[in-house]
Amino acid sequence: MTRILIAEDDKDIRELIVITLQFNGFDVVSAEDGAAAVSKAKSEGPFDLILMDVRMPRMTGYEACRHLKEDAATRDIPVIFLSAKGQESEIQTGMDAGASQYILKPFAPDVLVNTINDVLNKAQS
């Protein structure tokens, strides 16, 4: 079963994403901020993919992604950013941090699942 780590500080959004992913057959672990995501990625892994909000307390998604990409144990895990900020500079910052994809909020559940499957398929090929 595909394991996904989701880092989102908004509890309602986090729970909605967890339910959506579980309904679609994914094994999901959640974290409330970037620092918790980095910790869980290392202690509860391996993960096949990480979904991460950009704006979070304690450690932003960008910072967390950079930490994960610097660690040999987590550097190959694809990261998808979730953000309400759709400016080109924001997206470019996310891609420069090491993200595989960037999804703008609000998003439809099928868009989320399709994007995850696309990123996973590319990572496996």
N, C-alpha and C. Protein backbone atom coordinates (compact mmCIF):
# COMPACT_ATOMS: atom_id res chain seq x y z
N MET A 1 0.85 -1.19 0.00
CA MET A 1 0.00 0.00 0.00
C MET A 1 0.89 1.24 0.00
N THR A 2 0.50 2.21 -0.79
CA THR A 2 1.26 3.46 -0.90
C THR A 2 1.10 4.28 0.37
N ARG A 3 2.23 4.70 0.96
CA ARG A 3 2.22 5.50 2.18
C ARG A 3 2.47 6.97 1.86
N ILE A 4 1.61 7.82 2.39
CA ILE A 4 1.71 9.26 2.15
C ILE A 4 1.74 9.99 3.49
N LEU A 5 2.66 10.93 3.61
CA LEU A 5 2.73 11.83 4.76
C LEU A 5 2.13 13.16 4.34
N ILE A 6 1.16 13.65 5.12
CA ILE A 6 0.54 14.94 4.83
C ILE A 6 0.87 15.91 5.95
N ALA A 7 1.39 17.07 5.58
CA ALA A 7 1.71 18.13 6.54
C ALA A 7 0.82 19.33 6.23
N GLU A 8 -0.09 19.62 7.13
CA GLU A 8 -1.04 20.72 6.95
C GLU A 8 -1.42 21.24 8.32
N ASP A 9 -1.28 22.56 8.54
CA ASP A 9 -1.55 23.11 9.86
C ASP A 9 -3.03 23.33 10.13
N ASP A 10 -3.86 23.45 9.09
CA ASP A 10 -5.30 23.62 9.28
C ASP A 10 -5.92 22.25 9.52
N LYS A 11 -6.42 22.05 10.73
CA LYS A 11 -6.93 20.73 11.13
C LYS A 11 -8.03 20.23 10.21
N ASP A 12 -8.98 21.10 9.83
CA ASP A 12 -10.09 20.67 8.99
C ASP A 12 -9.60 20.24 7.60
N ILE A 13 -8.71 21.02 7.02
CA ILE A 13 -8.16 20.66 5.70
C ILE A 13 -7.37 19.36 5.80
N ARG A 14 -6.55 19.25 6.85
CA ARG A 14 -5.75 18.04 7.05
C ARG A 14 -6.64 16.80 7.14
N GLU A 15 -7.70 16.89 7.93
CA GLU A 15 -8.61 15.75 8.09
C GLU A 15 -9.32 15.41 6.78
N LEU A 16 -9.71 16.43 6.02
CA LEU A 16 -10.37 16.21 4.74
C LEU A 16 -9.43 15.49 3.76
N ILE A 17 -8.18 15.91 3.74
CA ILE A 17 -7.20 15.27 2.86
C ILE A 17 -6.95 13.83 3.30
N VAL A 18 -6.81 13.61 4.59
CA VAL A 18 -6.59 12.25 5.10
C VAL A 18 -7.74 11.34 4.69
N ILE A 19 -8.98 11.79 4.90
CA ILE A 19 -10.15 10.99 4.53
C ILE A 19 -10.18 10.71 3.03
N THR A 20 -9.90 11.74 2.23
CA THR A 20 -9.89 11.58 0.77
C THR A 20 -8.86 10.54 0.35
N LEU A 21 -7.67 10.63 0.91
CA LEU A 21 -6.61 9.71 0.52
C LEU A 21 -6.89 8.29 1.01
N GLN A 22 -7.39 8.16 2.23
CA GLN A 22 -7.73 6.83 2.74
C GLN A 22 -8.83 6.19 1.90
N PHE A 23 -9.81 6.99 1.50
CA PHE A 23 -10.90 6.50 0.65
C PHE A 23 -10.36 5.98 -0.68
N ASN A 24 -9.27 6.56 -1.14
CA ASN A 24 -8.66 6.16 -2.41
C ASN A 24 -7.57 5.11 -2.24
N GLY A 25 -7.50 4.50 -1.05
CA GLY A 25 -6.63 3.35 -0.84
C GLY A 25 -5.22 3.64 -0.40
N PHE A 26 -4.94 4.87 0.04
CA PHE A 26 -3.61 5.21 0.51
C PHE A 26 -3.51 5.03 2.03
N ASP A 27 -2.32 4.69 2.50
CA ASP A 27 -2.01 4.65 3.93
C ASP A 27 -1.48 6.03 4.27
N VAL A 28 -2.12 6.73 5.20
CA VAL A 28 -1.81 8.14 5.44
C VAL A 28 -1.36 8.39 6.88
N VAL A 29 -0.30 9.19 7.01
CA VAL A 29 0.18 9.69 8.29
C VAL A 29 0.11 11.21 8.20
N SER A 30 -0.35 11.88 9.25
CA SER A 30 -0.46 13.33 9.18
C SER A 30 0.43 14.03 10.20
N ALA A 31 0.79 15.26 9.86
CA ALA A 31 1.61 16.11 10.73
C ALA A 31 1.00 17.51 10.69
N GLU A 32 1.15 18.23 11.81
CA GLU A 32 0.51 19.55 11.92
C GLU A 32 1.39 20.72 11.48
N ASP A 33 2.65 20.47 11.18
CA ASP A 33 3.52 21.54 10.70
C ASP A 33 4.76 20.95 10.04
N GLY A 34 5.59 21.81 9.50
CA GLY A 34 6.77 21.35 8.78
C GLY A 34 7.77 20.61 9.65
N ALA A 35 7.98 21.09 10.88
CA ALA A 35 8.94 20.43 11.78
C ALA A 35 8.47 19.02 12.11
N ALA A 36 7.17 18.86 12.38
CA ALA A 36 6.63 17.54 12.68
C ALA A 36 6.73 16.63 11.45
N ALA A 37 6.56 17.21 10.27
CA ALA A 37 6.66 16.42 9.04
C ALA A 37 8.07 15.87 8.85
N VAL A 38 9.07 16.71 9.07
CA VAL A 38 10.46 16.27 8.93
C VAL A 38 10.74 15.15 9.93
N SER A 39 10.29 15.34 11.17
CA SER A 39 10.50 14.33 12.20
C SER A 39 9.82 13.01 11.84
N LYS A 40 8.56 13.07 11.42
CA LYS A 40 7.82 11.86 11.08
C LYS A 40 8.37 11.18 9.83
N ALA A 41 8.84 11.98 8.87
CA ALA A 41 9.41 11.40 7.66
C ALA A 41 10.60 10.51 8.00
N LYS A 42 11.35 10.92 9.02
CA LYS A 42 12.54 10.17 9.42
C LYS A 42 12.21 9.03 10.37
N SER A 43 11.25 9.24 11.27
CA SER A 43 10.97 8.23 12.30
C SER A 43 9.89 7.22 11.92
N GLU A 44 8.98 7.62 11.03
CA GLU A 44 7.86 6.73 10.70
C GLU A 44 7.88 6.25 9.25
N GLY A 45 8.93 6.60 8.52
CA GLY A 45 9.05 6.22 7.11
C GLY A 45 9.30 4.74 6.96
N PRO A 46 9.43 4.25 5.76
CA PRO A 46 9.52 5.06 4.55
C PRO A 46 8.15 5.49 4.03
N PHE A 47 8.14 6.62 3.32
CA PHE A 47 6.95 7.14 2.67
C PHE A 47 7.18 7.15 1.17
N ASP A 48 6.10 6.98 0.43
CA ASP A 48 6.18 7.01 -1.03
C ASP A 48 6.03 8.43 -1.57
N LEU A 49 5.39 9.31 -0.76
CA LEU A 49 5.13 10.67 -1.20
C LEU A 49 4.81 11.52 0.01
N ILE A 50 5.12 12.82 -0.09
CA ILE A 50 4.78 13.77 0.98
C ILE A 50 3.98 14.91 0.37
N LEU A 51 2.83 15.21 0.97
CA LEU A 51 2.02 16.38 0.63
C LEU A 51 2.27 17.41 1.71
N MET A 52 2.58 18.64 1.30
CA MET A 52 2.96 19.61 2.31
C MET A 52 2.40 21.00 2.00
N ASP A 53 1.72 21.57 2.98
CA ASP A 53 1.28 22.95 2.89
C ASP A 53 2.53 23.84 2.87
N VAL A 54 2.41 25.00 2.25
CA VAL A 54 3.55 25.92 2.20
C VAL A 54 3.65 26.74 3.47
N ARG A 55 2.56 27.36 3.87
CA ARG A 55 2.56 28.24 5.05
C ARG A 55 2.14 27.48 6.29
N MET A 56 3.13 27.18 7.15
CA MET A 56 2.86 26.48 8.40
C MET A 56 3.71 27.09 9.51
N PRO A 57 3.24 26.96 10.76
CA PRO A 57 4.05 27.45 11.89
C PRO A 57 5.26 26.56 12.13
N ARG A 58 6.20 27.06 12.89
CA ARG A 58 7.44 26.36 13.30
C ARG A 58 8.40 26.15 12.14
N MET A 59 7.93 25.64 11.01
CA MET A 59 8.80 25.43 9.84
C MET A 59 7.90 25.43 8.61
N THR A 60 8.20 26.29 7.65
CA THR A 60 7.39 26.34 6.43
C THR A 60 7.57 25.07 5.61
N GLY A 61 6.69 24.88 4.68
CA GLY A 61 6.83 23.74 3.78
C GLY A 61 8.11 23.80 2.98
N TYR A 62 8.49 25.01 2.56
CA TYR A 62 9.74 25.17 1.80
C TYR A 62 10.94 24.72 2.64
N GLU A 63 10.98 25.17 3.90
CA GLU A 63 12.09 24.80 4.78
C GLU A 63 12.11 23.30 5.03
N ALA A 64 10.92 22.73 5.28
CA ALA A 64 10.83 21.30 5.54
C ALA A 64 11.30 20.50 4.32
N CYS A 65 10.89 20.93 3.14
CA CYS A 65 11.29 20.24 1.92
C CYS A 65 12.81 20.29 1.76
N ARG A 66 13.40 21.44 2.00
CA ARG A 66 14.86 21.55 1.89
C ARG A 66 15.56 20.59 2.86
N HIS A 67 15.05 20.51 4.10
CA HIS A 67 15.63 19.59 5.09
C HIS A 67 15.53 18.14 4.60
N LEU A 68 14.38 17.79 4.07
CA LEU A 68 14.17 16.41 3.59
C LEU A 68 15.08 16.09 2.40
N LYS A 69 15.28 17.05 1.52
CA LYS A 69 16.10 16.83 0.33
C LYS A 69 17.59 16.78 0.67
N GLU A 70 17.98 17.31 1.82
CA GLU A 70 19.39 17.26 2.25
C GLU A 70 19.75 15.95 2.95
N ASP A 71 18.74 15.16 3.33
CA ASP A 71 18.96 13.92 4.07
C ASP A 71 18.88 12.73 3.12
N ALA A 72 19.91 11.89 3.12
CA ALA A 72 19.95 10.73 2.22
C ALA A 72 18.76 9.80 2.41
N ALA A 73 18.23 9.72 3.62
CA ALA A 73 17.13 8.81 3.91
C ALA A 73 15.80 9.29 3.33
N THR A 74 15.68 10.61 3.08
CA THR A 74 14.39 11.16 2.63
C THR A 74 14.47 11.93 1.31
N ARG A 75 15.66 12.07 0.76
CA ARG A 75 15.82 12.95 -0.41
C ARG A 75 15.07 12.49 -1.65
N ASP A 76 14.81 11.19 -1.78
CA ASP A 76 14.16 10.69 -2.99
C ASP A 76 12.64 10.62 -2.89
N ILE A 77 12.08 11.03 -1.76
CA ILE A 77 10.63 11.03 -1.61
C ILE A 77 10.05 12.23 -2.36
N PRO A 78 9.14 11.99 -3.32
CA PRO A 78 8.53 13.12 -4.02
C PRO A 78 7.70 13.98 -3.06
N VAL A 79 7.78 15.30 -3.24
CA VAL A 79 7.02 16.24 -2.42
C VAL A 79 6.08 17.03 -3.33
N ILE A 80 4.82 17.11 -2.91
CA ILE A 80 3.84 17.96 -3.59
C ILE A 80 3.43 19.05 -2.61
N PHE A 81 3.57 20.31 -3.05
CA PHE A 81 3.15 21.43 -2.21
C PHE A 81 1.69 21.74 -2.44
N LEU A 82 1.01 22.13 -1.36
CA LEU A 82 -0.36 22.60 -1.38
C LEU A 82 -0.34 24.04 -0.92
N SER A 83 -0.94 24.95 -1.71
CA SER A 83 -0.89 26.34 -1.30
C SER A 83 -2.02 27.15 -1.93
N ALA A 84 -2.46 28.15 -1.19
CA ALA A 84 -3.43 29.11 -1.72
C ALA A 84 -2.72 30.20 -2.51
N LYS A 85 -1.41 30.26 -2.40
CA LYS A 85 -0.61 31.27 -3.09
C LYS A 85 -0.18 30.73 -4.46
N GLY A 86 -0.72 31.33 -5.52
CA GLY A 86 -0.45 30.82 -6.85
C GLY A 86 0.45 31.68 -7.71
N GLN A 87 1.10 32.67 -7.11
CA GLN A 87 1.99 33.51 -7.89
C GLN A 87 3.14 32.66 -8.44
N GLU A 88 3.60 33.02 -9.62
CA GLU A 88 4.68 32.28 -10.26
C GLU A 88 5.92 32.19 -9.37
N SER A 89 6.22 33.26 -8.62
CA SER A 89 7.40 33.25 -7.76
C SER A 89 7.24 32.23 -6.63
N GLU A 90 6.02 32.10 -6.09
CA GLU A 90 5.77 31.12 -5.03
C GLU A 90 5.96 29.70 -5.57
N ILE A 91 5.41 29.45 -6.73
CA ILE A 91 5.53 28.12 -7.35
C ILE A 91 6.99 27.81 -7.63
N GLN A 92 7.72 28.80 -8.15
CA GLN A 92 9.13 28.59 -8.46
C GLN A 92 9.94 28.32 -7.20
N THR A 93 9.62 29.01 -6.11
CA THR A 93 10.31 28.76 -4.84
C THR A 93 10.09 27.32 -4.40
N GLY A 94 8.86 26.82 -4.55
CA GLY A 94 8.56 25.45 -4.20
C GLY A 94 9.31 24.45 -5.05
N MET A 95 9.37 24.70 -6.34
CA MET A 95 10.08 23.79 -7.23
C MET A 95 11.59 23.85 -6.95
N ASP A 96 12.10 25.03 -6.65
CA ASP A 96 13.52 25.17 -6.32
C ASP A 96 13.87 24.44 -5.01
N ALA A 97 12.90 24.35 -4.10
CA ALA A 97 13.12 23.66 -2.83
C ALA A 97 13.17 22.14 -3.02
N GLY A 98 12.70 21.68 -4.17
CA GLY A 98 12.77 20.25 -4.46
C GLY A 98 11.43 19.57 -4.71
N ALA A 99 10.36 20.35 -4.82
CA ALA A 99 9.04 19.77 -5.03
C ALA A 99 8.91 19.15 -6.41
N SER A 100 8.07 18.13 -6.49
CA SER A 100 7.76 17.49 -7.77
C SER A 100 6.56 18.15 -8.43
N GLN A 101 5.68 18.73 -7.62
CA GLN A 101 4.45 19.33 -8.13
C GLN A 101 3.93 20.34 -7.13
N TYR A 102 2.99 21.19 -7.59
CA TYR A 102 2.44 22.27 -6.78
C TYR A 102 0.95 22.33 -7.07
N ILE A 103 0.11 22.13 -6.06
CA ILE A 103 -1.34 22.17 -6.22
C ILE A 103 -1.89 23.39 -5.51
N LEU A 104 -2.74 24.14 -6.21
CA LEU A 104 -3.34 25.33 -5.63
C LEU A 104 -4.64 25.00 -4.91
N LYS A 105 -4.79 25.60 -3.71
CA LYS A 105 -6.03 25.48 -2.95
C LYS A 105 -6.99 26.57 -3.43
N PRO A 106 -8.26 26.31 -3.43
CA PRO A 106 -8.91 25.03 -3.15
C PRO A 106 -8.77 24.09 -4.34
N PHE A 107 -8.76 22.80 -4.06
CA PHE A 107 -8.63 21.82 -5.13
C PHE A 107 -9.70 20.74 -4.96
N ALA A 108 -10.07 20.12 -6.06
CA ALA A 108 -11.04 19.04 -6.02
C ALA A 108 -10.33 17.75 -5.60
N PRO A 109 -11.01 16.89 -4.87
CA PRO A 109 -10.38 15.63 -4.44
C PRO A 109 -9.82 14.82 -5.60
N ASP A 110 -10.52 14.78 -6.73
CA ASP A 110 -10.02 13.99 -7.87
C ASP A 110 -8.75 14.59 -8.46
N VAL A 111 -8.62 15.91 -8.42
CA VAL A 111 -7.39 16.56 -8.89
C VAL A 111 -6.23 16.16 -7.98
N LEU A 112 -6.46 16.15 -6.68
CA LEU A 112 -5.43 15.76 -5.72
C LEU A 112 -4.98 14.32 -5.98
N VAL A 113 -5.92 13.41 -6.08
CA VAL A 113 -5.59 11.99 -6.28
C VAL A 113 -4.90 11.78 -7.63
N ASN A 114 -5.39 12.43 -8.68
CA ASN A 114 -4.76 12.28 -10.00
C ASN A 114 -3.34 12.81 -10.01
N THR A 115 -3.11 13.94 -9.34
CA THR A 115 -1.76 14.52 -9.27
C THR A 115 -0.83 13.59 -8.49
N ILE A 116 -1.32 13.05 -7.39
CA ILE A 116 -0.51 12.10 -6.61
C ILE A 116 -0.13 10.90 -7.46
N ASN A 117 -1.11 10.33 -8.16
CA ASN A 117 -0.83 9.17 -9.00
C ASN A 117 0.15 9.49 -10.12
N ASP A 118 0.03 10.68 -10.72
CA ASP A 118 0.98 11.10 -11.77
C ASP A 118 2.39 11.19 -11.23
N VAL A 119 2.55 11.83 -10.06
CA VAL A 119 3.87 11.99 -9.46
C VAL A 119 4.45 10.63 -9.07
N LEU A 120 3.62 9.77 -8.50
CA LEU A 120 4.10 8.43 -8.14
C LEU A 120 4.52 7.62 -9.37
N ASN A 121 3.76 7.71 -10.44
CA ASN A 121 4.11 7.01 -11.68
C ASN A 121 5.44 7.51 -12.26
N LYS A 122 5.65 8.81 -12.22
CA LYS A 122 6.92 9.38 -12.72
C LYS A 122 8.09 8.94 -11.83
N ALA A 123 7.85 8.88 -10.53
CA ALA A 123 8.93 8.51 -9.59
C ALA A 123 9.32 7.05 -9.76
N GLN A 124 8.39 6.21 -10.17
CA GLN A 124 8.66 4.79 -10.32
C GLN A 124 9.28 4.44 -11.66
N SER A 125 9.19 5.36 -12.62
CA SER A 125 9.73 5.05 -13.96
C SER A 125 11.16 5.54 -14.14
